[in-house]
Amino acid sequence: MLNVERPYPPLLRRAANPASPGAREASESHINELMKLGALRKVGHSEEVQVTTPVIITWHNDKSRMVGDCRALNIYTILDRYPIPLVHETLTQLSKGRLITSMDALKGFHQNALAPNARKLLRIIAHCGIYEYLGMPFGIKNAPSHYQRMMNTIFPHELSEGWLVIYIYDIMVCSETWKLHLERLSLVFKKIIQVNMKISLKACNFGFHELKALGHVVSGLSLGVDTNKVAAVLLKEMPQNKKERLSFIGFASYYRKHPKDFAIRARPLYRICDQQSVF
């Protein structure tokens, strides 16, 4: 997963970021939680440390999330080109079933154990010490491809039969009847137990005729957009520079299959974002 040139560039040895009291409290809470899950351990004083990544605390809806600032590490990491499924193709396949179940892996990437050589590259530094990831963290360039490969390896036959859809750590099952749906769920649960995978019950939706998945609303009759996501687009402020306009185009392009003539309508935005255009 991590193939980094040696000797490790000095850029990869970094100090902890300044943190507010709230960020310190949040980072301690996340670190303790990950240590209890067995996804993180504290690095001993006698251990050689060549790579340290500072932690960042982000906030969304008053909830905190801890990630490592892996931008420097990602620069020196060779890209893993294992394919991630296309969202629209995934949803189209899912919409063929009358009954749909969705499940999320608990703490997603963290359940994927890391090899010892990868752990040494994934040491984070916070105000309370240096820690080493034992499970794959978020923020690593190759994490999605690596996790997708792992999931495809666990469920090869189910995926080839077309009734199981996996988008990184989102697991979705579709069926035509209740009887068949329960049988398929049983097969998936057996595999989950075999590999000791943990599922987040709060994020599960069992046997729905319609549910939200990957920013869309999916049912056996149609494939639509999540109105909450569309509202987020409508509420965005007017872009003030080229970077913000490109960001807006990328955000809107996620739903490009739904508006008629999206490319034609977006052409003026692409034109003013051209390298030779003056903003």
C-alpha atoms as a PDB file:
ATOM      1  CA  MET A   1       0.000   0.000   0.000  1.00  0.00           C
ATOM      2  CA  LEU A   2       2.820   2.414   0.908  1.00  0.00           C
ATOM      3  CA  ASN A   3       5.830   2.408  -1.375  1.00  0.00           C
ATOM      4  CA  VAL A   4       7.995   5.387  -0.396  1.00  0.00           C
ATOM      5  CA  GLU A   5      11.519   6.147  -1.598  1.00  0.00           C
ATOM      6  CA  ARG A   6      14.419   5.769   0.854  1.00  0.00           C
ATOM      7  CA  PRO A   7      16.083   7.417   2.644  1.00  0.00           C
ATOM      8  CA  TYR A   8      12.952   9.117   3.855  1.00  0.00           C
ATOM      9  CA  PRO A   9      12.882  12.800   2.860  1.00  0.00           C
ATOM     10  CA  PRO A  10      13.291  15.269   5.775  1.00  0.00           C
ATOM     11  CA  LEU A  11       9.897  16.690   4.807  1.00  0.00           C
ATOM     12  CA  LEU A  12       8.292  13.595   6.363  1.00  0.00           C
ATOM     13  CA  ARG A  13       9.622  14.390   9.859  1.00  0.00           C
ATOM     14  CA  ARG A  14       7.245  17.002  11.157  1.00  0.00           C
ATOM     15  CA  ALA A  15       6.277  18.520  14.500  1.00  0.00           C
ATOM     16  CA  ALA A  16       2.848  18.552  16.096  1.00  0.00           C
ATOM     17  CA  ASN A  17       0.461  21.277  14.978  1.00  0.00           C
ATOM     18  CA  PRO A  18      -0.538  24.028  17.427  1.00  0.00           C
ATOM     19  CA  ALA A  19      -3.921  23.075  18.875  1.00  0.00           C
ATOM     20  CA  SER A  20      -6.665  24.848  20.785  1.00  0.00           C
ATOM     21  CA  PRO A  21      -7.923  23.358  24.083  1.00  0.00           C
ATOM     22  CA  GLY A  22     -10.958  21.980  22.230  1.00  0.00           C
ATOM     23  CA  ALA A  23      -8.796  20.362  19.547  1.00  0.00           C
ATOM     24  CA  ARG A  24      -6.505  18.852  22.196  1.00  0.00           C
ATOM     25  CA  GLU A  25      -9.445  17.349  24.033  1.00  0.00           C
ATOM     26  CA  ALA A  26     -10.894  15.983  20.783  1.00  0.00           C
ATOM     27  CA  SER A  27      -7.574  14.457  19.658  1.00  0.00           C
ATOM     28  CA  GLU A  28      -7.112  12.737  23.033  1.00  0.00           C
ATOM     29  CA  SER A  29     -10.623  11.311  22.782  1.00  0.00           C
ATOM     30  CA  HIS A  30     -10.046   9.978  19.249  1.00  0.00           C
ATOM     31  CA  ILE A  31      -6.640   8.551  20.150  1.00  0.00           C
ATOM     32  CA  ASN A  32      -8.047   6.719  23.184  1.00  0.00           C
ATOM     33  CA  GLU A  33     -10.917   5.339  21.093  1.00  0.00           C
ATOM     34  CA  LEU A  34      -8.574   4.042  18.388  1.00  0.00           C
ATOM     35  CA  MET A  35      -6.283   2.476  20.987  1.00  0.00           C
ATOM     36  CA  LYS A  36      -9.257   0.635  22.504  1.00  0.00           C
ATOM     37  CA  LEU A  37     -10.163  -0.639  19.022  1.00  0.00           C
ATOM     38  CA  GLY A  38      -6.610  -1.892  18.529  1.00  0.00           C
ATOM     39  CA  ALA A  39      -6.052   0.444  15.574  1.00  0.00           C
ATOM     40  CA  LEU A  40      -3.397   2.602  17.265  1.00  0.00           C
ATOM     41  CA  ARG A  41      -0.532   2.168  19.735  1.00  0.00           C
ATOM     42  CA  LYS A  42       1.796   4.573  21.527  1.00  0.00           C
ATOM     43  CA  VAL A  43       5.397   4.575  20.279  1.00  0.00           C
ATOM     44  CA  GLY A  44       7.976   3.832  22.985  1.00  0.00           C
ATOM     45  CA  HIS A  45      10.788   6.244  23.905  1.00  0.00           C
ATOM     46  CA  SER A  46      13.480   3.823  22.715  1.00  0.00           C
ATOM     47  CA  GLU A  47      11.993   3.312  19.244  1.00  0.00           C
ATOM     48  CA  GLU A  48      13.563   5.053  16.255  1.00  0.00           C
ATOM     49  CA  VAL A  49      11.162   7.505  14.641  1.00  0.00           C
ATOM     50  CA  GLN A  50      11.889   8.587  11.050  1.00  0.00           C
ATOM     51  CA  VAL A  51       8.434   9.715   9.923  1.00  0.00           C
ATOM     52  CA  THR A  52       5.892  11.760  11.894  1.00  0.00           C
ATOM     53  CA  THR A  53       2.626  13.163  10.574  1.00  0.00           C
ATOM     54  CA  PRO A  54       0.802  15.860  12.561  1.00  0.00           C
ATOM     55  CA  VAL A  55      -2.861  15.279  13.351  1.00  0.00           C
ATOM     56  CA  ILE A  56      -5.625  17.621  12.239  1.00  0.00           C
ATOM     57  CA  ILE A  57      -8.994  17.947  13.950  1.00  0.00           C
ATOM     58  CA  THR A  58     -11.878  18.803  11.620  1.00  0.00           C
ATOM     59  CA  TRP A  59     -15.409  19.699  12.686  1.00  0.00           C
ATOM     60  CA  HIS A  60     -18.736  19.001  10.989  1.00  0.00           C
ATOM     61  CA  ASN A  61     -22.123  19.557  12.645  1.00  0.00           C
ATOM     62  CA  ASP A  62     -20.391  19.928  16.031  1.00  0.00           C
ATOM     63  CA  LYS A  63     -18.745  16.515  15.622  1.00  0.00           C
ATOM     64  CA  SER A  64     -14.971  16.204  15.505  1.00  0.00           C
ATOM     65  CA  ARG A  65     -12.864  13.946  13.326  1.00  0.00           C
ATOM     66  CA  MET A  66      -9.143  13.248  13.571  1.00  0.00           C
ATOM     67  CA  VAL A  67      -7.037  12.744  10.467  1.00  0.00           C
ATOM     68  CA  GLY A  68      -3.331  12.717   9.816  1.00  0.00           C
ATOM     69  CA  ASP A  69      -1.944  15.463   7.589  1.00  0.00           C
ATOM     70  CA  CYS A  70      -0.520  12.993   5.066  1.00  0.00           C
ATOM     71  CA  ARG A  71       0.020  15.447   2.206  1.00  0.00           C
ATOM     72  CA  ALA A  72       3.814  15.192   2.373  1.00  0.00           C
ATOM     73  CA  LEU A  73       3.712  11.390   2.623  1.00  0.00           C
ATOM     74  CA  ASN A  74       1.304  11.210  -0.325  1.00  0.00           C
ATOM     75  CA  ILE A  75       3.729  13.182  -2.509  1.00  0.00           C
ATOM     76  CA  TYR A  76       6.373  10.468  -2.124  1.00  0.00           C
ATOM     77  CA  THR A  77       3.961   7.525  -2.331  1.00  0.00           C
ATOM     78  CA  ILE A  78       3.703   5.641  -5.630  1.00  0.00           C
ATOM     79  CA  LEU A  79       0.094   5.610  -6.820  1.00  0.00           C
ATOM     80  CA  ASP A  80      -1.890   2.358  -6.596  1.00  0.00           C
ATOM     81  CA  ARG A  81      -4.057   2.283  -9.736  1.00  0.00           C
ATOM     82  CA  TYR A  82      -6.486  -0.414  -8.575  1.00  0.00           C
ATOM     83  CA  PRO A  83      -9.877   0.761  -9.921  1.00  0.00           C
ATOM     84  CA  ILE A  84     -12.660   2.202  -7.777  1.00  0.00           C
ATOM     85  CA  PRO A  85     -16.168   1.447  -9.160  1.00  0.00           C
ATOM     86  CA  LEU A  86     -17.875   4.264 -11.050  1.00  0.00           C
ATOM     87  CA  VAL A  87     -20.637   5.752  -8.899  1.00  0.00           C
ATOM     88  CA  HIS A  88     -23.291   5.872 -11.633  1.00  0.00           C
ATOM     89  CA  GLU A  89     -22.647   2.276 -12.738  1.00  0.00           C
ATOM     90  CA  THR A  90     -22.763   1.151  -9.109  1.00  0.00           C
ATOM     91  CA  LEU A  91     -26.113   2.864  -8.523  1.00  0.00           C
ATOM     92  CA  THR A  92     -27.582   1.598 -11.797  1.00  0.00           C
ATOM     93  CA  GLN A  93     -26.722  -1.960 -10.793  1.00  0.00           C
ATOM     94  CA  LEU A  94     -28.203  -1.397  -7.336  1.00  0.00           C
ATOM     95  CA  SER A  95     -31.471   0.033  -8.688  1.00  0.00           C
ATOM     96  CA  LYS A  96     -32.308  -3.280 -10.388  1.00  0.00           C
ATOM     97  CA  GLY A  97     -33.510  -4.791  -7.095  1.00  0.00           C
ATOM     98  CA  ARG A  98     -36.874  -4.239  -5.408  1.00  0.00           C
ATOM     99  CA  LEU A  99     -35.292  -4.668  -1.961  1.00  0.00           C
ATOM    100  CA  ILE A 100     -32.055  -2.980  -0.977  1.00  0.00           C
ATOM    101  CA  THR A 101     -29.847  -3.236   2.101  1.00  0.00           C
ATOM    102  CA  SER A 102     -26.894  -0.975   2.823  1.00  0.00           C
ATOM    103  CA  MET A 103     -24.183  -1.502   5.435  1.00  0.00           C
ATOM    104  CA  ASP A 104     -21.064   0.430   6.437  1.00  0.00           C
ATOM    105  CA  ALA A 105     -17.913  -1.020   7.927  1.00  0.00           C
ATOM    106  CA  LEU A 106     -17.314   0.376  11.426  1.00  0.00           C
ATOM    107  CA  LYS A 107     -14.400   2.829  11.353  1.00  0.00           C
ATOM    108  CA  GLY A 108     -13.940   1.746   7.719  1.00  0.00           C
ATOM    109  CA  PHE A 109     -10.263   1.765   6.857  1.00  0.00           C
ATOM    110  CA  HIS A 110      -9.069   1.194  10.427  1.00  0.00           C
ATOM    111  CA  GLN A 111     -10.184  -2.458  10.294  1.00  0.00           C
ATOM    112  CA  ASN A 112      -7.597  -3.197   7.612  1.00  0.00           C
ATOM    113  CA  ALA A 113      -4.421  -4.291   9.429  1.00  0.00           C
ATOM    114  CA  LEU A 114      -1.137  -2.733   8.326  1.00  0.00           C
ATOM    115  CA  ALA A 115       2.152  -4.508   7.650  1.00  0.00           C
ATOM    116  CA  PRO A 116       5.027  -3.535  10.013  1.00  0.00           C
ATOM    117  CA  ASN A 117       6.886  -1.587   7.290  1.00  0.00           C
ATOM    118  CA  ALA A 118       3.752   0.462   6.569  1.00  0.00           C
ATOM    119  CA  ARG A 119       3.164   1.190  10.265  1.00  0.00           C
ATOM    120  CA  LYS A 120       6.519   2.947  10.557  1.00  0.00           C
ATOM    121  CA  LEU A 121       5.423   5.364   7.840  1.00  0.00           C
ATOM    122  CA  LEU A 122       2.118   6.072   9.547  1.00  0.00           C
ATOM    123  CA  ARG A 123       3.214   7.513  12.849  1.00  0.00           C
ATOM    124  CA  ILE A 124       1.234  10.521  13.946  1.00  0.00           C
ATOM    125  CA  ILE A 125       2.367  13.189  16.367  1.00  0.00           C
ATOM    126  CA  ALA A 126       0.077  15.090  18.711  1.00  0.00           C
ATOM    127  CA  HIS A 127       0.573  17.177  21.840  1.00  0.00           C
ATOM    128  CA  CYS A 128       0.234  13.995  23.925  1.00  0.00           C
ATOM    129  CA  GLY A 129       2.885  11.913  22.139  1.00  0.00           C
ATOM    130  CA  ILE A 130       3.742   9.847  19.055  1.00  0.00           C
ATOM    131  CA  TYR A 131       1.445   7.023  17.976  1.00  0.00           C
ATOM    132  CA  GLU A 132       1.581   4.323  15.326  1.00  0.00           C
ATOM    133  CA  TYR A 133      -1.397   3.173  13.291  1.00  0.00           C
ATOM    134  CA  LEU A 134      -2.012  -0.584  13.362  1.00  0.00           C
ATOM    135  CA  GLY A 135      -5.034  -0.238  11.061  1.00  0.00           C
ATOM    136  CA  MET A 136      -5.127   1.779   7.842  1.00  0.00           C
ATOM    137  CA  PRO A 137      -6.026   5.438   8.498  1.00  0.00           C
ATOM    138  CA  PHE A 138      -7.945   7.954   6.425  1.00  0.00           C
ATOM    139  CA  GLY A 139      -5.996  10.474   4.362  1.00  0.00           C
ATOM    140  CA  ILE A 140      -3.559   8.052   2.707  1.00  0.00           C
ATOM    141  CA  LYS A 141      -3.453   8.381  -1.078  1.00  0.00           C
ATOM    142  CA  ASN A 142      -3.763   4.648  -1.739  1.00  0.00           C
ATOM    143  CA  ALA A 143      -6.245   3.854   1.051  1.00  0.00           C
ATOM    144  CA  PRO A 144      -9.416   3.724  -1.137  1.00  0.00           C
ATOM    145  CA  SER A 145      -7.796   1.509  -3.797  1.00  0.00           C
ATOM    146  CA  HIS A 146      -6.242  -0.777  -1.186  1.00  0.00           C
ATOM    147  CA  TYR A 147      -9.536  -1.154   0.682  1.00  0.00           C
ATOM    148  CA  GLN A 148     -11.507  -1.758  -2.522  1.00  0.00           C
ATOM    149  CA  ARG A 149      -9.078  -4.530  -3.483  1.00  0.00           C
ATOM    150  CA  MET A 150      -9.492  -6.127  -0.057  1.00  0.00           C
ATOM    151  CA  MET A 151     -13.306  -6.048  -0.247  1.00  0.00           C
ATOM    152  CA  ASN A 152     -13.311  -7.446  -3.788  1.00  0.00           C
ATOM    153  CA  THR A 153     -11.082 -10.286  -2.584  1.00  0.00           C
ATOM    154  CA  ILE A 154     -13.471 -11.120   0.278  1.00  0.00           C
ATOM    155  CA  PHE A 155     -16.619 -11.198  -1.902  1.00  0.00           C
ATOM    156  CA  PRO A 156     -15.494 -12.292  -5.412  1.00  0.00           C
ATOM    157  CA  HIS A 157     -18.410 -14.609  -6.245  1.00  0.00           C
ATOM    158  CA  GLU A 158     -21.104 -12.374  -4.786  1.00  0.00           C
ATOM    159  CA  LEU A 159     -19.810  -9.417  -6.785  1.00  0.00           C
ATOM    160  CA  SER A 160     -19.606 -11.417 -10.012  1.00  0.00           C
ATOM    161  CA  GLU A 161     -23.247 -12.504  -9.611  1.00  0.00           C
ATOM    162  CA  GLY A 162     -24.279  -8.843  -9.577  1.00  0.00           C
ATOM    163  CA  TRP A 163     -26.496  -8.725  -6.469  1.00  0.00           C
ATOM    164  CA  LEU A 164     -23.754  -7.405  -4.193  1.00  0.00           C
ATOM    165  CA  VAL A 165     -22.335  -3.932  -4.767  1.00  0.00           C
ATOM    166  CA  ILE A 166     -19.346  -2.572  -2.867  1.00  0.00           C
ATOM    167  CA  TYR A 167     -18.103   0.988  -3.087  1.00  0.00           C
ATOM    168  CA  ILE A 168     -14.983   1.084  -0.906  1.00  0.00           C
ATOM    169  CA  TYR A 169     -16.511   0.419   2.556  1.00  0.00           C
ATOM    170  CA  ASP A 170     -20.183   0.769   1.545  1.00  0.00           C
ATOM    171  CA  ILE A 171     -21.732  -2.718   1.232  1.00  0.00           C
ATOM    172  CA  MET A 172     -25.063  -2.962  -0.620  1.00  0.00           C
ATOM    173  CA  VAL A 173     -27.291  -5.948  -1.381  1.00  0.00           C
ATOM    174  CA  CYS A 174     -30.222  -5.954  -3.827  1.00  0.00           C
ATOM    175  CA  SER A 175     -32.863  -8.638  -4.466  1.00  0.00           C
ATOM    176  CA  GLU A 176     -36.261  -9.194  -6.066  1.00  0.00           C
ATOM    177  CA  THR A 177     -37.945 -11.053  -3.170  1.00  0.00           C
ATOM    178  CA  TRP A 178     -37.731 -11.160   0.642  1.00  0.00           C
ATOM    179  CA  LYS A 179     -36.777 -14.832   0.642  1.00  0.00           C
ATOM    180  CA  LEU A 180     -33.913 -14.272  -1.761  1.00  0.00           C
ATOM    181  CA  HIS A 181     -32.851 -11.118   0.062  1.00  0.00           C
ATOM    182  CA  LEU A 182     -32.574 -12.920   3.405  1.00  0.00           C
ATOM    183  CA  GLU A 183     -30.576 -15.715   1.788  1.00  0.00           C
ATOM    184  CA  ARG A 184     -28.155 -13.230   0.288  1.00  0.00           C
ATOM    185  CA  LEU A 185     -27.800 -11.300   3.532  1.00  0.00           C
ATOM    186  CA  SER A 186     -26.998 -14.567   5.289  1.00  0.00           C
ATOM    187  CA  LEU A 187     -24.183 -15.245   2.805  1.00  0.00           C
ATOM    188  CA  VAL A 188     -22.766 -11.762   3.314  1.00  0.00           C
ATOM    189  CA  PHE A 189     -22.975 -12.035   7.114  1.00  0.00           C
ATOM    190  CA  LYS A 190     -21.081 -15.336   7.044  1.00  0.00           C
ATOM    191  CA  LYS A 191     -18.248 -13.750   5.080  1.00  0.00           C
ATOM    192  CA  ILE A 192     -18.209 -10.747   7.424  1.00  0.00           C
ATOM    193  CA  ILE A 193     -17.908 -13.060  10.439  1.00  0.00           C
ATOM    194  CA  GLN A 194     -15.194 -15.162   8.751  1.00  0.00           C
ATOM    195  CA  VAL A 195     -12.924 -12.152   8.237  1.00  0.00           C
ATOM    196  CA  ASN A 196     -13.814 -10.610  11.617  1.00  0.00           C
ATOM    197  CA  MET A 197     -15.191  -7.445  10.051  1.00  0.00           C
ATOM    198  CA  LYS A 198     -17.270  -5.102  12.209  1.00  0.00           C
ATOM    199  CA  ILE A 199     -20.326  -3.296  10.852  1.00  0.00           C
ATOM    200  CA  SER A 200     -21.752  -0.010  12.127  1.00  0.00           C
ATOM    201  CA  LEU A 201     -25.344  -0.826  13.074  1.00  0.00           C
ATOM    202  CA  LYS A 202     -26.272   2.870  13.110  1.00  0.00           C
ATOM    203  CA  ALA A 203     -25.320   3.137   9.447  1.00  0.00           C
ATOM    204  CA  CYS A 204     -27.252   0.025   8.329  1.00  0.00           C
ATOM    205  CA  ASN A 205     -30.536   0.029   6.398  1.00  0.00           C
ATOM    206  CA  PHE A 206     -32.093  -3.424   5.963  1.00  0.00           C
ATOM    207  CA  GLY A 207     -34.626  -4.390   3.306  1.00  0.00           C
ATOM    208  CA  PHE A 208     -35.753  -0.981   2.045  1.00  0.00           C
ATOM    209  CA  HIS A 209     -37.642  -0.379  -1.187  1.00  0.00           C
ATOM    210  CA  GLU A 210     -35.936   3.006  -1.403  1.00  0.00           C
ATOM    211  CA  LEU A 211     -32.867   4.381   0.349  1.00  0.00           C
ATOM    212  CA  LYS A 212     -30.090   6.933   0.070  1.00  0.00           C
ATOM    213  CA  ALA A 213     -26.757   5.706  -1.224  1.00  0.00           C
ATOM    214  CA  LEU A 214     -23.690   7.584  -2.456  1.00  0.00           C
ATOM    215  CA  GLY A 215     -25.528  10.903  -2.566  1.00  0.00           C
ATOM    216  CA  HIS A 216     -28.476   9.508  -4.531  1.00  0.00           C
ATOM    217  CA  VAL A 217     -31.914   8.048  -3.832  1.00  0.00           C
ATOM    218  CA  VAL A 218     -32.131   4.490  -5.161  1.00  0.00           C
ATOM    219  CA  SER A 219     -35.174   2.266  -5.659  1.00  0.00           C
ATOM    220  CA  GLY A 220     -36.199  -0.587  -7.905  1.00  0.00           C
ATOM    221  CA  LEU A 221     -38.112   1.877 -10.061  1.00  0.00           C
ATOM    222  CA  SER A 222     -35.798   4.842 -10.342  1.00  0.00           C
ATOM    223  CA  LEU A 223     -32.500   6.504  -9.593  1.00  0.00           C
ATOM    224  CA  GLY A 224     -32.687  10.079  -8.321  1.00  0.00           C
ATOM    225  CA  VAL A 225     -30.613  12.643  -6.489  1.00  0.00           C
ATOM    226  CA  ASP A 226     -30.528  13.230  -2.748  1.00  0.00           C
ATOM    227  CA  THR A 227     -32.419  16.504  -2.274  1.00  0.00           C
ATOM    228  CA  ASN A 228     -30.230  17.418   0.697  1.00  0.00           C
ATOM    229  CA  LYS A 229     -27.140  17.212  -1.508  1.00  0.00           C
ATOM    230  CA  VAL A 230     -28.802  19.302  -4.217  1.00  0.00           C
ATOM    231  CA  ALA A 231     -29.738  21.896  -1.595  1.00  0.00           C
ATOM    232  CA  ALA A 232     -26.074  22.106  -0.635  1.00  0.00           C
ATOM    233  CA  VAL A 233     -25.249  23.016  -4.248  1.00  0.00           C
ATOM    234  CA  LEU A 234     -27.969  25.673  -4.372  1.00  0.00           C
ATOM    235  CA  LEU A 235     -26.818  27.213  -1.087  1.00  0.00           C
ATOM    236  CA  LYS A 236     -23.211  27.552  -2.190  1.00  0.00           C
ATOM    237  CA  GLU A 237     -22.009  31.131  -2.396  1.00  0.00           C
ATOM    238  CA  MET A 238     -21.036  32.652  -5.742  1.00  0.00           C
ATOM    239  CA  PRO A 239     -17.486  31.509  -6.623  1.00  0.00           C
ATOM    240  CA  GLN A 240     -15.028  34.396  -6.354  1.00  0.00           C
ATOM    241  CA  ASN A 241     -12.014  32.987  -8.169  1.00  0.00           C
ATOM    242  CA  LYS A 242     -10.891  30.262 -10.552  1.00  0.00           C
ATOM    243  CA  LYS A 243     -10.210  27.730  -7.785  1.00  0.00           C
ATOM    244  CA  GLU A 244     -13.690  28.180  -6.300  1.00  0.00           C
ATOM    245  CA  ARG A 245     -15.314  27.851  -9.737  1.00  0.00           C
ATOM    246  CA  LEU A 246     -13.446  24.637 -10.464  1.00  0.00           C
ATOM    247  CA  SER A 247     -14.534  23.361  -7.054  1.00  0.00           C
ATOM    248  CA  PHE A 248     -18.153  24.214  -7.838  1.00  0.00           C
ATOM    249  CA  ILE A 249     -17.976  22.494 -11.240  1.00  0.00           C
ATOM    250  CA  GLY A 250     -16.547  19.370  -9.608  1.00  0.00           C
ATOM    251  CA  PHE A 251     -19.278  19.396  -6.958  1.00  0.00           C
ATOM    252  CA  ALA A 252     -22.043  19.818  -9.555  1.00  0.00           C
ATOM    253  CA  SER A 253     -20.504  17.258 -11.935  1.00  0.00           C
ATOM    254  CA  TYR A 254     -21.233  14.508  -9.420  1.00  0.00           C
ATOM    255  CA  TYR A 255     -24.848  14.728 -10.670  1.00  0.00           C
ATOM    256  CA  ARG A 256     -24.064  15.409 -14.325  1.00  0.00           C
ATOM    257  CA  LYS A 257     -26.112  12.366 -15.439  1.00  0.00           C
ATOM    258  CA  HIS A 258     -29.358  13.982 -14.253  1.00  0.00           C
ATOM    259  CA  PRO A 259     -29.610  17.526 -15.715  1.00  0.00           C
ATOM    260  CA  LYS A 260     -30.234  17.589 -19.447  1.00  0.00           C
ATOM    261  CA  ASP A 261     -27.284  18.904 -21.495  1.00  0.00           C
ATOM    262  CA  PHE A 262     -25.067  19.369 -18.439  1.00  0.00           C
ATOM    263  CA  ALA A 263     -21.903  19.794 -20.529  1.00  0.00           C
ATOM    264  CA  ILE A 264     -23.510  22.521 -22.658  1.00  0.00           C
ATOM    265  CA  ARG A 265     -24.808  24.396 -19.619  1.00  0.00           C
ATOM    266  CA  ALA A 266     -21.474  24.162 -17.835  1.00  0.00           C
ATOM    267  CA  ARG A 267     -19.462  25.253 -20.891  1.00  0.00           C
ATOM    268  CA  PRO A 268     -19.329  28.970 -19.899  1.00  0.00           C
ATOM    269  CA  LEU A 269     -17.906  27.991 -16.498  1.00  0.00           C
ATOM    270  CA  TYR A 270     -15.290  25.775 -18.106  1.00  0.00           C
ATOM    271  CA  ARG A 271     -14.422  28.581 -20.519  1.00  0.00           C
ATOM    272  CA  ILE A 272     -13.725  31.172 -17.824  1.00  0.00           C
ATOM    273  CA  CYS A 273     -11.682  28.610 -15.880  1.00  0.00           C
ATOM    274  CA  ASP A 274      -9.422  28.008 -18.866  1.00  0.00           C
ATOM    275  CA  GLN A 275      -5.744  28.645 -18.178  1.00  0.00           C
ATOM    276  CA  GLN A 276      -5.630  31.464 -20.741  1.00  0.00           C
ATOM    277  CA  SER A 277      -8.783  33.185 -19.519  1.00  0.00           C
ATOM    278  CA  VAL A 278      -8.607  36.228 -17.271  1.00  0.00           C
ATOM    279  CA  PHE A 279     -10.877  35.806 -14.259  1.00  0.00           C
END
